[in-house]
Amino acid sequence: MSLEYNTQRPHLTLREYGRNVQNLVKHLKATDDKEKRNKYAALIVELMKMINPEFSKDASEYTQKVWDDLFIISKFDLDVESPFPIPESTILDRKPDRMRYQANEIKFRHYGRNIEILINNAIALEDPEEKEAAIVAIGKLMKSFYLTWNRDNIEDEQVLKNIKQLSKDQLDIDIEKVKANGLFDSSERKERSFDNNNRGQHQGQNQNRNRNNNNKGGKRNFSNKRRRNNN
């Protein structure tokens, strides 16, 4: 029994389809009857699609890709009728288009590029109420994003200053209104501060109640002592 190693076999053009498909394409090229070649080519394409079923979601584009792969495996030497334009051999030498990256740099990296996009959208708003609501929403995001980079809290004045810098002084809001109503604070932070205030009030009330009870107890003990001494 003679063994045959892959190193002794012809080179695989497209490994994802395996050697059996390549052998079928070789047999297809040797078929003289053109009608049979067209029929066999369609059958081989369906077989190639079954080998990689996970890529067949977009039927039209994937079918065209498989037909192109059939011609690539045949080294573009295949006389069959294809439902798609027959690709040229130059597609193998074609380099992909160079990826374009945004040239502009982020001014404040801890806020991210999306904040700059939101600020540009807010500048385009014409309704003053909508613009103010957008500024408040942006301020909340900027404050929360800042906390992911720095544990120290950022003041509302600094957040508004950054908004004005990014918008080139086209966005502004009354800082006293922001501070008085906590407009730049998230709802979670407001609830936490509200709970802390309530907890402090309850502790103070409990301390006053305990102090009053101690005073009442002291007066009661003093009166009992006086009564015993008189007796």
C-alpha atoms as a PDB file:
ATOM      1  CA  MET A   1       0.000   0.000   0.000  1.00  0.00           C
ATOM      2  CA  SER A   2       1.552   3.280  -1.090  1.00  0.00           C
ATOM      3  CA  LEU A   3       1.145   6.318   1.115  1.00  0.00           C
ATOM      4  CA  GLU A   4       0.547   9.795  -0.278  1.00  0.00           C
ATOM      5  CA  TYR A   5       1.539  12.852   1.711  1.00  0.00           C
ATOM      6  CA  ASN A   6       0.016  16.309   1.398  1.00  0.00           C
ATOM      7  CA  THR A   7       3.427  17.671   0.474  1.00  0.00           C
ATOM      8  CA  GLN A   8       3.300  15.480  -2.631  1.00  0.00           C
ATOM      9  CA  ARG A   9      -0.199  16.594  -3.623  1.00  0.00           C
ATOM     10  CA  PRO A  10      -1.124  19.671  -5.672  1.00  0.00           C
ATOM     11  CA  HIS A  11      -1.395  22.925  -3.736  1.00  0.00           C
ATOM     12  CA  LEU A  12      -4.855  23.748  -2.345  1.00  0.00           C
ATOM     13  CA  THR A  13      -6.118  27.021  -3.766  1.00  0.00           C
ATOM     14  CA  LEU A  14      -8.845  27.615  -1.159  1.00  0.00           C
ATOM     15  CA  ARG A  15      -8.313  25.471   1.922  1.00  0.00           C
ATOM     16  CA  GLU A  16     -11.766  26.107   3.385  1.00  0.00           C
ATOM     17  CA  TYR A  17     -13.367  23.904   0.722  1.00  0.00           C
ATOM     18  CA  GLY A  18     -10.947  20.994   1.011  1.00  0.00           C
ATOM     19  CA  ARG A  19      -9.203  18.794  -1.524  1.00  0.00           C
ATOM     20  CA  ASN A  20     -12.334  16.919  -2.663  1.00  0.00           C
ATOM     21  CA  VAL A  21     -13.890  20.096  -4.054  1.00  0.00           C
ATOM     22  CA  GLN A  22     -10.650  20.907  -5.829  1.00  0.00           C
ATOM     23  CA  ASN A  23     -10.632  17.437  -7.389  1.00  0.00           C
ATOM     24  CA  LEU A  24     -14.247  17.883  -8.505  1.00  0.00           C
ATOM     25  CA  VAL A  25     -13.359  21.188 -10.160  1.00  0.00           C
ATOM     26  CA  LYS A  26     -10.458  19.465 -11.895  1.00  0.00           C
ATOM     27  CA  HIS A  27     -12.879  16.807 -13.196  1.00  0.00           C
ATOM     28  CA  LEU A  28     -15.309  19.570 -14.220  1.00  0.00           C
ATOM     29  CA  LYS A  29     -12.658  21.246 -16.364  1.00  0.00           C
ATOM     30  CA  ALA A  30     -12.008  17.929 -18.125  1.00  0.00           C
ATOM     31  CA  THR A  31     -15.693  17.486 -19.057  1.00  0.00           C
ATOM     32  CA  ASP A  32     -16.198  18.105 -22.779  1.00  0.00           C
ATOM     33  CA  ASP A  33     -19.972  18.520 -22.838  1.00  0.00           C
ATOM     34  CA  LYS A  34     -20.757  22.149 -21.964  1.00  0.00           C
ATOM     35  CA  GLU A  35     -24.316  21.343 -20.851  1.00  0.00           C
ATOM     36  CA  LYS A  36     -22.931  18.807 -18.381  1.00  0.00           C
ATOM     37  CA  ARG A  37     -20.286  21.304 -17.248  1.00  0.00           C
ATOM     38  CA  ASN A  38     -22.988  23.872 -16.437  1.00  0.00           C
ATOM     39  CA  LYS A  39     -24.992  21.257 -14.536  1.00  0.00           C
ATOM     40  CA  TYR A  40     -21.953  19.961 -12.620  1.00  0.00           C
ATOM     41  CA  ALA A  41     -20.827  23.513 -11.835  1.00  0.00           C
ATOM     42  CA  ALA A  42     -24.187  24.309 -10.229  1.00  0.00           C
ATOM     43  CA  LEU A  43     -23.999  21.084  -8.179  1.00  0.00           C
ATOM     44  CA  ILE A  44     -20.447  21.872  -7.009  1.00  0.00           C
ATOM     45  CA  VAL A  45     -21.542  25.383  -5.968  1.00  0.00           C
ATOM     46  CA  GLU A  46     -24.347  23.907  -3.842  1.00  0.00           C
ATOM     47  CA  LEU A  47     -21.851  21.490  -2.303  1.00  0.00           C
ATOM     48  CA  MET A  48     -19.484  24.355  -1.501  1.00  0.00           C
ATOM     49  CA  LYS A  49     -22.334  26.230   0.172  1.00  0.00           C
ATOM     50  CA  MET A  50     -23.124  23.164   2.308  1.00  0.00           C
ATOM     51  CA  ILE A  51     -19.515  22.959   3.500  1.00  0.00           C
ATOM     52  CA  ASN A  52     -19.776  26.420   5.122  1.00  0.00           C
ATOM     53  CA  PRO A  53     -23.482  26.819   6.003  1.00  0.00           C
ATOM     54  CA  GLU A  54     -22.786  29.452   8.671  1.00  0.00           C
ATOM     55  CA  PHE A  55     -21.891  31.984   5.955  1.00  0.00           C
ATOM     56  CA  SER A  56     -25.072  31.557   3.918  1.00  0.00           C
ATOM     57  CA  LYS A  57     -27.242  34.080   5.763  1.00  0.00           C
ATOM     58  CA  ASP A  58     -27.210  36.589   2.936  1.00  0.00           C
ATOM     59  CA  ALA A  59     -28.121  34.211   0.103  1.00  0.00           C
ATOM     60  CA  SER A  60     -27.487  36.490  -2.879  1.00  0.00           C
ATOM     61  CA  GLU A  61     -24.081  37.849  -1.843  1.00  0.00           C
ATOM     62  CA  TYR A  62     -22.856  34.519  -0.514  1.00  0.00           C
ATOM     63  CA  THR A  63     -23.934  32.650  -3.671  1.00  0.00           C
ATOM     64  CA  GLN A  64     -21.975  35.123  -5.796  1.00  0.00           C
ATOM     65  CA  LYS A  65     -18.949  34.664  -3.540  1.00  0.00           C
ATOM     66  CA  VAL A  66     -19.105  30.860  -3.946  1.00  0.00           C
ATOM     67  CA  TRP A  67     -19.304  31.166  -7.735  1.00  0.00           C
ATOM     68  CA  ASP A  68     -16.273  33.474  -7.625  1.00  0.00           C
ATOM     69  CA  ASP A  69     -14.465  30.890  -5.479  1.00  0.00           C
ATOM     70  CA  LEU A  70     -15.286  28.215  -8.056  1.00  0.00           C
ATOM     71  CA  PHE A  71     -13.500  30.212 -10.748  1.00  0.00           C
ATOM     72  CA  ILE A  72     -10.596  30.903  -8.377  1.00  0.00           C
ATOM     73  CA  ILE A  73     -10.173  27.172  -7.691  1.00  0.00           C
ATOM     74  CA  SER A  74     -10.186  26.516 -11.451  1.00  0.00           C
ATOM     75  CA  LYS A  75      -7.508  29.210 -11.830  1.00  0.00           C
ATOM     76  CA  PHE A  76      -9.982  31.161 -13.975  1.00  0.00           C
ATOM     77  CA  ASP A  77      -9.862  28.440 -16.640  1.00  0.00           C
ATOM     78  CA  LEU A  78     -13.470  27.293 -16.634  1.00  0.00           C
ATOM     79  CA  ASP A  79     -15.971  27.547 -19.456  1.00  0.00           C
ATOM     80  CA  VAL A  80     -19.366  27.497 -17.710  1.00  0.00           C
ATOM     81  CA  GLU A  81     -22.367  29.795 -17.564  1.00  0.00           C
ATOM     82  CA  SER A  82     -22.529  31.679 -14.270  1.00  0.00           C
ATOM     83  CA  PRO A  83     -25.541  33.648 -12.957  1.00  0.00           C
ATOM     84  CA  PHE A  84     -23.075  36.356 -11.924  1.00  0.00           C
ATOM     85  CA  PRO A  85     -20.345  38.267 -13.760  1.00  0.00           C
ATOM     86  CA  ILE A  86     -17.258  36.108 -14.142  1.00  0.00           C
ATOM     87  CA  PRO A  87     -14.452  37.571 -11.993  1.00  0.00           C
ATOM     88  CA  GLU A  88     -11.110  38.533 -13.434  1.00  0.00           C
ATOM     89  CA  SER A  89      -7.854  37.034 -12.238  1.00  0.00           C
ATOM     90  CA  THR A  90      -6.694  40.483 -11.087  1.00  0.00           C
ATOM     91  CA  ILE A  91      -8.989  40.295  -8.051  1.00  0.00           C
ATOM     92  CA  LEU A  92      -6.376  38.105  -6.331  1.00  0.00           C
ATOM     93  CA  ASP A  93      -3.795  40.875  -6.578  1.00  0.00           C
ATOM     94  CA  ARG A  94      -6.173  43.617  -5.514  1.00  0.00           C
ATOM     95  CA  LYS A  95      -5.333  45.149  -2.148  1.00  0.00           C
ATOM     96  CA  PRO A  96      -8.094  46.188   0.259  1.00  0.00           C
ATOM     97  CA  ASP A  97      -8.881  49.869   0.577  1.00  0.00           C
ATOM     98  CA  ARG A  98      -6.913  51.669   3.245  1.00  0.00           C
ATOM     99  CA  MET A  99      -8.851  52.250   6.437  1.00  0.00           C
ATOM    100  CA  ARG A 100      -9.592  55.892   7.070  1.00  0.00           C
ATOM    101  CA  TYR A 101      -9.149  57.112  10.616  1.00  0.00           C
ATOM    102  CA  GLN A 102     -10.485  60.334  12.009  1.00  0.00           C
ATOM    103  CA  ALA A 103      -7.711  62.875  12.017  1.00  0.00           C
ATOM    104  CA  ASN A 104      -9.142  65.126  14.725  1.00  0.00           C
ATOM    105  CA  GLU A 105      -8.025  64.355  18.249  1.00  0.00           C
ATOM    106  CA  ILE A 106     -10.272  64.181  21.297  1.00  0.00           C
ATOM    107  CA  LYS A 107      -9.864  67.315  23.412  1.00  0.00           C
ATOM    108  CA  PHE A 108     -10.851  65.625  26.699  1.00  0.00           C
ATOM    109  CA  ARG A 109     -10.142  61.898  26.477  1.00  0.00           C
ATOM    110  CA  HIS A 110     -11.901  61.078  29.757  1.00  0.00           C
ATOM    111  CA  TYR A 111     -15.170  62.314  28.213  1.00  0.00           C
ATOM    112  CA  GLY A 112     -14.756  60.512  24.886  1.00  0.00           C
ATOM    113  CA  ARG A 113     -15.665  61.429  21.319  1.00  0.00           C
ATOM    114  CA  ASN A 114     -19.385  60.791  21.783  1.00  0.00           C
ATOM    115  CA  ILE A 115     -19.631  63.764  24.144  1.00  0.00           C
ATOM    116  CA  GLU A 116     -18.234  66.008  21.406  1.00  0.00           C
ATOM    117  CA  ILE A 117     -20.831  64.613  18.986  1.00  0.00           C
ATOM    118  CA  LEU A 118     -23.631  65.279  21.493  1.00  0.00           C
ATOM    119  CA  ILE A 119     -22.382  68.831  22.028  1.00  0.00           C
ATOM    120  CA  ASN A 120     -22.381  69.492  18.280  1.00  0.00           C
ATOM    121  CA  ASN A 121     -25.950  68.160  18.088  1.00  0.00           C
ATOM    122  CA  ALA A 122     -26.978  70.389  21.009  1.00  0.00           C
ATOM    123  CA  ILE A 123     -25.504  73.446  19.289  1.00  0.00           C
ATOM    124  CA  ALA A 124     -27.738  72.764  16.283  1.00  0.00           C
ATOM    125  CA  LEU A 125     -30.910  72.823  18.410  1.00  0.00           C
ATOM    126  CA  GLU A 126     -33.050  75.940  17.986  1.00  0.00           C
ATOM    127  CA  ASP A 127     -35.567  75.511  20.821  1.00  0.00           C
ATOM    128  CA  PRO A 128     -34.053  77.054  24.011  1.00  0.00           C
ATOM    129  CA  GLU A 129     -35.779  74.513  26.269  1.00  0.00           C
ATOM    130  CA  GLU A 130     -34.524  71.584  24.216  1.00  0.00           C
ATOM    131  CA  LYS A 131     -31.027  73.069  24.179  1.00  0.00           C
ATOM    132  CA  GLU A 132     -31.045  73.514  27.968  1.00  0.00           C
ATOM    133  CA  ALA A 133     -32.297  69.950  28.459  1.00  0.00           C
ATOM    134  CA  ALA A 134     -29.494  68.742  26.173  1.00  0.00           C
ATOM    135  CA  ILE A 135     -26.907  70.668  28.213  1.00  0.00           C
ATOM    136  CA  VAL A 136     -28.222  69.084  31.428  1.00  0.00           C
ATOM    137  CA  ALA A 137     -28.082  65.589  29.910  1.00  0.00           C
ATOM    138  CA  ILE A 138     -24.554  66.193  28.610  1.00  0.00           C
ATOM    139  CA  GLY A 139     -23.454  67.529  32.011  1.00  0.00           C
ATOM    140  CA  LYS A 140     -24.731  64.375  33.727  1.00  0.00           C
ATOM    141  CA  LEU A 141     -22.849  62.160  31.293  1.00  0.00           C
ATOM    142  CA  MET A 142     -19.645  64.154  31.615  1.00  0.00           C
ATOM    143  CA  LYS A 143     -19.796  63.989  35.395  1.00  0.00           C
ATOM    144  CA  SER A 144     -20.345  60.227  35.375  1.00  0.00           C
ATOM    145  CA  PHE A 145     -17.593  59.670  32.765  1.00  0.00           C
ATOM    146  CA  TYR A 146     -15.176  61.741  34.829  1.00  0.00           C
ATOM    147  CA  LEU A 147     -15.762  59.528  37.873  1.00  0.00           C
ATOM    148  CA  THR A 148     -14.697  56.445  35.912  1.00  0.00           C
ATOM    149  CA  TRP A 149     -11.263  58.048  35.441  1.00  0.00           C
ATOM    150  CA  ASN A 150     -10.908  59.850  38.764  1.00  0.00           C
ATOM    151  CA  ARG A 151     -12.270  59.018  42.189  1.00  0.00           C
ATOM    152  CA  ASP A 152     -12.339  62.672  43.182  1.00  0.00           C
ATOM    153  CA  ASN A 153     -15.616  64.430  42.525  1.00  0.00           C
ATOM    154  CA  ILE A 154     -15.694  67.123  39.855  1.00  0.00           C
ATOM    155  CA  GLU A 155     -17.421  70.409  40.557  1.00  0.00           C
ATOM    156  CA  ASP A 156     -20.361  71.612  38.471  1.00  0.00           C
ATOM    157  CA  GLU A 157     -18.413  74.746  37.550  1.00  0.00           C
ATOM    158  CA  GLN A 158     -15.677  72.626  35.954  1.00  0.00           C
ATOM    159  CA  VAL A 159     -18.198  70.546  34.013  1.00  0.00           C
ATOM    160  CA  LEU A 160     -19.854  73.676  32.641  1.00  0.00           C
ATOM    161  CA  LYS A 161     -16.448  75.144  31.823  1.00  0.00           C
ATOM    162  CA  ASN A 162     -15.601  72.044  29.776  1.00  0.00           C
ATOM    163  CA  ILE A 163     -18.957  72.223  27.982  1.00  0.00           C
ATOM    164  CA  LYS A 164     -18.277  75.844  27.032  1.00  0.00           C
ATOM    165  CA  GLN A 165     -14.780  74.934  25.836  1.00  0.00           C
ATOM    166  CA  LEU A 166     -15.996  72.054  23.668  1.00  0.00           C
ATOM    167  CA  SER A 167     -18.853  74.115  22.253  1.00  0.00           C
ATOM    168  CA  LYS A 168     -16.667  77.200  21.765  1.00  0.00           C
ATOM    169  CA  ASP A 169     -18.925  79.189  24.125  1.00  0.00           C
ATOM    170  CA  GLN A 170     -22.059  78.302  22.164  1.00  0.00           C
ATOM    171  CA  LEU A 171     -23.600  76.339  25.052  1.00  0.00           C
ATOM    172  CA  ASP A 172     -24.180  77.829  28.483  1.00  0.00           C
ATOM    173  CA  ILE A 173     -26.534  77.470  31.462  1.00  0.00           C
ATOM    174  CA  ASP A 174     -27.028  79.270  34.772  1.00  0.00           C
ATOM    175  CA  ILE A 175     -24.572  77.572  37.123  1.00  0.00           C
ATOM    176  CA  GLU A 176     -26.538  78.620  40.229  1.00  0.00           C
ATOM    177  CA  LYS A 177     -29.605  76.863  38.817  1.00  0.00           C
ATOM    178  CA  VAL A 178     -27.520  73.777  38.169  1.00  0.00           C
ATOM    179  CA  LYS A 179     -26.106  73.703  41.701  1.00  0.00           C
ATOM    180  CA  ALA A 180     -29.389  74.498  43.434  1.00  0.00           C
ATOM    181  CA  ASN A 181     -31.268  71.704  41.669  1.00  0.00           C
ATOM    182  CA  GLY A 182     -28.399  69.255  41.248  1.00  0.00           C
ATOM    183  CA  LEU A 183     -29.012  69.151  37.486  1.00  0.00           C
ATOM    184  CA  PHE A 184     -25.641  67.586  36.678  1.00  0.00           C
ATOM    185  CA  ASP A 185     -26.021  64.871  39.331  1.00  0.00           C
ATOM    186  CA  SER A 186     -27.343  61.470  38.379  1.00  0.00           C
ATOM    187  CA  SER A 187     -30.572  60.234  39.935  1.00  0.00           C
ATOM    188  CA  GLU A 188     -28.646  57.554  41.830  1.00  0.00           C
ATOM    189  CA  ARG A 189     -26.433  60.169  43.435  1.00  0.00           C
ATOM    190  CA  LYS A 190     -29.420  62.317  44.374  1.00  0.00           C
ATOM    191  CA  GLU A 191     -31.091  59.332  46.037  1.00  0.00           C
ATOM    192  CA  ARG A 192     -27.887  58.528  47.907  1.00  0.00           C
ATOM    193  CA  SER A 193     -27.514  62.062  49.207  1.00  0.00           C
ATOM    194  CA  PHE A 194     -31.217  62.154  50.128  1.00  0.00           C
ATOM    195  CA  ASP A 195     -30.823  58.909  52.081  1.00  0.00           C
ATOM    196  CA  ASN A 196     -27.736  60.250  53.844  1.00  0.00           C
ATOM    197  CA  ASN A 197     -29.576  63.425  54.838  1.00  0.00           C
ATOM    198  CA  ASN A 198     -32.540  61.450  56.135  1.00  0.00           C
ATOM    199  CA  ARG A 199     -30.229  59.108  58.003  1.00  0.00           C
ATOM    200  CA  GLY A 200     -28.494  62.086  59.613  1.00  0.00           C
ATOM    201  CA  GLN A 201     -31.826  63.617  60.604  1.00  0.00           C
ATOM    202  CA  HIS A 202     -33.023  60.325  62.118  1.00  0.00           C
ATOM    203  CA  GLN A 203     -29.776  59.930  64.048  1.00  0.00           C
ATOM    204  CA  GLY A 204     -30.098  63.467  65.405  1.00  0.00           C
ATOM    205  CA  GLN A 205     -33.713  62.827  66.421  1.00  0.00           C
ATOM    206  CA  ASN A 206     -32.727  59.588  68.142  1.00  0.00           C
ATOM    207  CA  GLN A 207     -29.913  61.316  70.009  1.00  0.00           C
ATOM    208  CA  ASN A 208     -32.275  64.075  71.180  1.00  0.00           C
ATOM    209  CA  ARG A 209     -34.850  61.461  72.211  1.00  0.00           C
ATOM    210  CA  ASN A 210     -32.221  59.513  74.187  1.00  0.00           C
ATOM    211  CA  ARG A 211     -30.962  62.710  75.790  1.00  0.00           C
ATOM    212  CA  ASN A 212     -34.494  63.671  76.873  1.00  0.00           C
ATOM    213  CA  ASN A 213     -35.095  60.186  78.263  1.00  0.00           C
ATOM    214  CA  ASN A 214     -31.856  60.364  80.238  1.00  0.00           C
ATOM    215  CA  ASN A 215     -32.840  63.757  81.653  1.00  0.00           C
ATOM    216  CA  LYS A 216     -36.254  62.450  82.643  1.00  0.00           C
ATOM    217  CA  GLY A 217     -34.654  59.416  84.259  1.00  0.00           C
ATOM    218  CA  GLY A 218     -32.211  61.585  86.180  1.00  0.00           C
ATOM    219  CA  LYS A 219     -34.987  63.813  87.513  1.00  0.00           C
ATOM    220  CA  ARG A 220     -37.021  60.752  88.535  1.00  0.00           C
ATOM    221  CA  ASN A 221     -34.080  59.237  90.448  1.00  0.00           C
ATOM    222  CA  PHE A 222     -33.358  62.544  92.180  1.00  0.00           C
ATOM    223  CA  SER A 223     -36.972  62.856  93.363  1.00  0.00           C
ATOM    224  CA  ASN A 224     -36.947  59.272  94.651  1.00  0.00           C
ATOM    225  CA  LYS A 225     -33.773  59.955  96.660  1.00  0.00           C
ATOM    226  CA  ARG A 226     -35.333  63.065  98.242  1.00  0.00           C
ATOM    227  CA  ARG A 227     -38.425  61.080  99.166  1.00  0.00           C
ATOM    228  CA  ARG A 228     -36.345  58.375 100.895  1.00  0.00           C
ATOM    229  CA  ASN A 229     -34.301  60.932 102.778  1.00  0.00           C
ATOM    230  CA  ASN A 230     -37.428  62.678 104.079  1.00  0.00           C
ATOM    231  CA  ASN A 231     -38.802  59.370 105.257  1.00  0.00           C
END
